[in-house]
Amino acid sequence: MEVIWSAKAKSTFFSVIEYLNANWTQKEMVQFNRRTFITINAIRKNPGIFPASSKNKDVRRAIVDKNNSFYYKIDAYHQKIFLLTFFDCRQDPRKLII
C-alpha cells in the first residue's frame, strides 16, 4: 500500500525531530526516526494492525514509542494509507486535532 503523508503529519513529525535534536541526543532522534519507519512498514503489510481511535473509528492510532504515536487512515479501495498527525502522548489529549 502507498503511504501518503499529510502536511500536518510532516509538520508534527519534524517538530518531534526538532524537539529531540534540541533536548536529547542524536541516538534518541535516530531511534525515533527508525521506529517510525518500522511502524509504517508494519502498517503497510497489515493496515489494521493498530486499534481504531476512540474518537473516530475510521482513524487508527499507531504507537511509535512510550511518548509518541501517530494517527492514520486506511483507504482500502485505493490501497492507500494516509498519515494524519503525530502526537506526544504526554500532552493533554484534548489538544489532539485530527
C-alpha atoms as a PDB file:
ATOM      1  CA  MET A   1       0.000   0.000   0.000  1.00  0.00           C
ATOM      2  CA  GLU A   2       1.114   3.520  -0.747  1.00  0.00           C
ATOM      3  CA  VAL A   3       1.712   5.789   2.264  1.00  0.00           C
ATOM      4  CA  ILE A   4       0.747   9.432   1.905  1.00  0.00           C
ATOM      5  CA  TRP A   5       1.911  11.986   4.464  1.00  0.00           C
ATOM      6  CA  SER A   6      -0.448  14.888   5.097  1.00  0.00           C
ATOM      7  CA  ALA A   7       1.050  18.353   5.574  1.00  0.00           C
ATOM      8  CA  LYS A   8       0.165  18.123   9.268  1.00  0.00           C
ATOM      9  CA  ALA A   9       1.856  14.713   9.608  1.00  0.00           C
ATOM     10  CA  LYS A  10       5.045  16.088   8.055  1.00  0.00           C
ATOM     11  CA  SER A  11       4.940  19.167  10.268  1.00  0.00           C
ATOM     12  CA  THR A  12       4.314  17.281  13.516  1.00  0.00           C
ATOM     13  CA  PHE A  13       6.904  14.594  12.626  1.00  0.00           C
ATOM     14  CA  PHE A  14       9.585  17.241  12.100  1.00  0.00           C
ATOM     15  CA  SER A  15       8.507  19.029  15.286  1.00  0.00           C
ATOM     16  CA  VAL A  16       9.282  15.840  17.217  1.00  0.00           C
ATOM     17  CA  ILE A  17      12.635  15.523  15.420  1.00  0.00           C
ATOM     18  CA  GLU A  18      13.482  19.160  16.243  1.00  0.00           C
ATOM     19  CA  TYR A  19      12.498  18.654  19.888  1.00  0.00           C
ATOM     20  CA  LEU A  20      14.659  15.540  20.173  1.00  0.00           C
ATOM     21  CA  ASN A  21      17.542  17.298  18.453  1.00  0.00           C
ATOM     22  CA  ALA A  22      17.346  20.259  20.853  1.00  0.00           C
ATOM     23  CA  ASN A  23      16.721  18.354  24.092  1.00  0.00           C
ATOM     24  CA  TRP A  24      18.066  14.840  23.675  1.00  0.00           C
ATOM     25  CA  THR A  25      20.977  13.111  21.982  1.00  0.00           C
ATOM     26  CA  GLN A  26      21.416  12.069  18.369  1.00  0.00           C
ATOM     27  CA  LYS A  27      20.710   8.498  19.494  1.00  0.00           C
ATOM     28  CA  GLU A  28      17.112   9.284  20.548  1.00  0.00           C
ATOM     29  CA  MET A  29      16.465  11.192  17.344  1.00  0.00           C
ATOM     30  CA  VAL A  30      17.724   8.280  15.219  1.00  0.00           C
ATOM     31  CA  GLN A  31      15.711   5.788  17.305  1.00  0.00           C
ATOM     32  CA  PHE A  32      12.500   7.779  16.848  1.00  0.00           C
ATOM     33  CA  ASN A  33      13.074   8.039  13.109  1.00  0.00           C
ATOM     34  CA  ARG A  34      13.859   4.323  12.815  1.00  0.00           C
ATOM     35  CA  ARG A  35      10.888   3.248  14.938  1.00  0.00           C
ATOM     36  CA  THR A  36       8.568   5.483  12.936  1.00  0.00           C
ATOM     37  CA  PHE A  37       9.538   3.873   9.635  1.00  0.00           C
ATOM     38  CA  ILE A  38       9.458   0.349  11.112  1.00  0.00           C
ATOM     39  CA  THR A  39       5.913   1.084  12.296  1.00  0.00           C
ATOM     40  CA  ILE A  40       4.900   2.487   8.896  1.00  0.00           C
ATOM     41  CA  ASN A  41       6.268  -0.628   7.163  1.00  0.00           C
ATOM     42  CA  ALA A  42       4.312  -2.849   9.565  1.00  0.00           C
ATOM     43  CA  ILE A  43       1.153  -0.895   8.726  1.00  0.00           C
ATOM     44  CA  ARG A  44       1.878  -1.289   5.008  1.00  0.00           C
ATOM     45  CA  LYS A  45       1.889  -5.063   5.445  1.00  0.00           C
ATOM     46  CA  ASN A  46      -1.114  -5.165   7.791  1.00  0.00           C
ATOM     47  CA  PRO A  47      -3.050  -1.859   7.809  1.00  0.00           C
ATOM     48  CA  GLY A  48      -5.421  -2.965  10.584  1.00  0.00           C
ATOM     49  CA  ILE A  49      -2.612  -3.868  12.993  1.00  0.00           C
ATOM     50  CA  PHE A  50      -3.358  -0.930  15.320  1.00  0.00           C
ATOM     51  CA  PRO A  51      -6.695  -0.206  17.031  1.00  0.00           C
ATOM     52  CA  ALA A  52      -9.203   2.369  15.873  1.00  0.00           C
ATOM     53  CA  SER A  53      -9.263   5.676  17.719  1.00  0.00           C
ATOM     54  CA  SER A  54     -11.938   6.022  20.381  1.00  0.00           C
ATOM     55  CA  LYS A  55     -12.970   9.378  18.874  1.00  0.00           C
ATOM     56  CA  ASN A  56     -13.178   8.308  15.233  1.00  0.00           C
ATOM     57  CA  LYS A  57     -13.477   4.674  14.168  1.00  0.00           C
ATOM     58  CA  ASP A  58     -12.024   5.444  10.697  1.00  0.00           C
ATOM     59  CA  VAL A  59      -8.762   6.649  12.247  1.00  0.00           C
ATOM     60  CA  ARG A  60      -6.199   4.330  13.829  1.00  0.00           C
ATOM     61  CA  ARG A  61      -3.526   5.122  16.415  1.00  0.00           C
ATOM     62  CA  ALA A  62      -0.036   3.673  15.929  1.00  0.00           C
ATOM     63  CA  ILE A  63       2.361   3.756  18.871  1.00  0.00           C
ATOM     64  CA  VAL A  64       5.944   4.638  17.937  1.00  0.00           C
ATOM     65  CA  ASP A  65       7.338   4.667  21.492  1.00  0.00           C
ATOM     66  CA  LYS A  66       6.098   5.400  25.001  1.00  0.00           C
ATOM     67  CA  ASN A  67       5.970   9.144  24.293  1.00  0.00           C
ATOM     68  CA  ASN A  68       4.891   9.349  20.655  1.00  0.00           C
ATOM     69  CA  SER A  69       2.185   7.981  18.433  1.00  0.00           C
ATOM     70  CA  PHE A  70       0.669   8.866  15.095  1.00  0.00           C
ATOM     71  CA  TYR A  71      -2.766   8.639  13.588  1.00  0.00           C
ATOM     72  CA  TYR A  72      -3.569   7.246  10.190  1.00  0.00           C
ATOM     73  CA  LYS A  73      -6.491   6.405   7.948  1.00  0.00           C
ATOM     74  CA  ILE A  74      -6.831   3.477   5.535  1.00  0.00           C
ATOM     75  CA  ASP A  75      -8.327   3.715   2.054  1.00  0.00           C
ATOM     76  CA  ALA A  76      -8.587   0.016   1.192  1.00  0.00           C
ATOM     77  CA  TYR A  77     -10.290   0.641  -2.146  1.00  0.00           C
ATOM     78  CA  HIS A  78      -7.418   2.786  -3.456  1.00  0.00           C
ATOM     79  CA  GLN A  79      -4.770   0.853  -1.496  1.00  0.00           C
ATOM     80  CA  LYS A  80      -3.532   3.953   0.356  1.00  0.00           C
ATOM     81  CA  ILE A  81      -2.623   4.787   3.922  1.00  0.00           C
ATOM     82  CA  PHE A  82      -2.878   8.425   4.947  1.00  0.00           C
ATOM     83  CA  LEU A  83      -0.698   9.589   7.839  1.00  0.00           C
ATOM     84  CA  LEU A  84      -2.664  12.334   9.584  1.00  0.00           C
ATOM     85  CA  THR A  85      -0.644  13.621  12.540  1.00  0.00           C
ATOM     86  CA  PHE A  86       1.971  12.743  15.149  1.00  0.00           C
ATOM     87  CA  PHE A  87       1.187  13.318  18.813  1.00  0.00           C
ATOM     88  CA  ASP A  88       3.233  13.456  22.004  1.00  0.00           C
ATOM     89  CA  CYS A  89       1.327  11.231  24.433  1.00  0.00           C
ATOM     90  CA  ARG A  90       2.431  13.381  27.377  1.00  0.00           C
ATOM     91  CA  GLN A  91       0.262  16.244  26.128  1.00  0.00           C
ATOM     92  CA  ASP A  92      -3.340  16.844  27.096  1.00  0.00           C
ATOM     93  CA  PRO A  93      -5.391  14.585  24.780  1.00  0.00           C
ATOM     94  CA  ARG A  94      -7.856  17.453  24.273  1.00  0.00           C
ATOM     95  CA  LYS A  95      -5.132  19.183  22.228  1.00  0.00           C
ATOM     96  CA  LEU A  96      -5.266  16.419  19.654  1.00  0.00           C
ATOM     97  CA  ILE A  97      -6.966  17.553  16.473  1.00  0.00           C
ATOM     98  CA  ILE A  98      -7.247  15.016  13.706  1.00  0.00           C
END
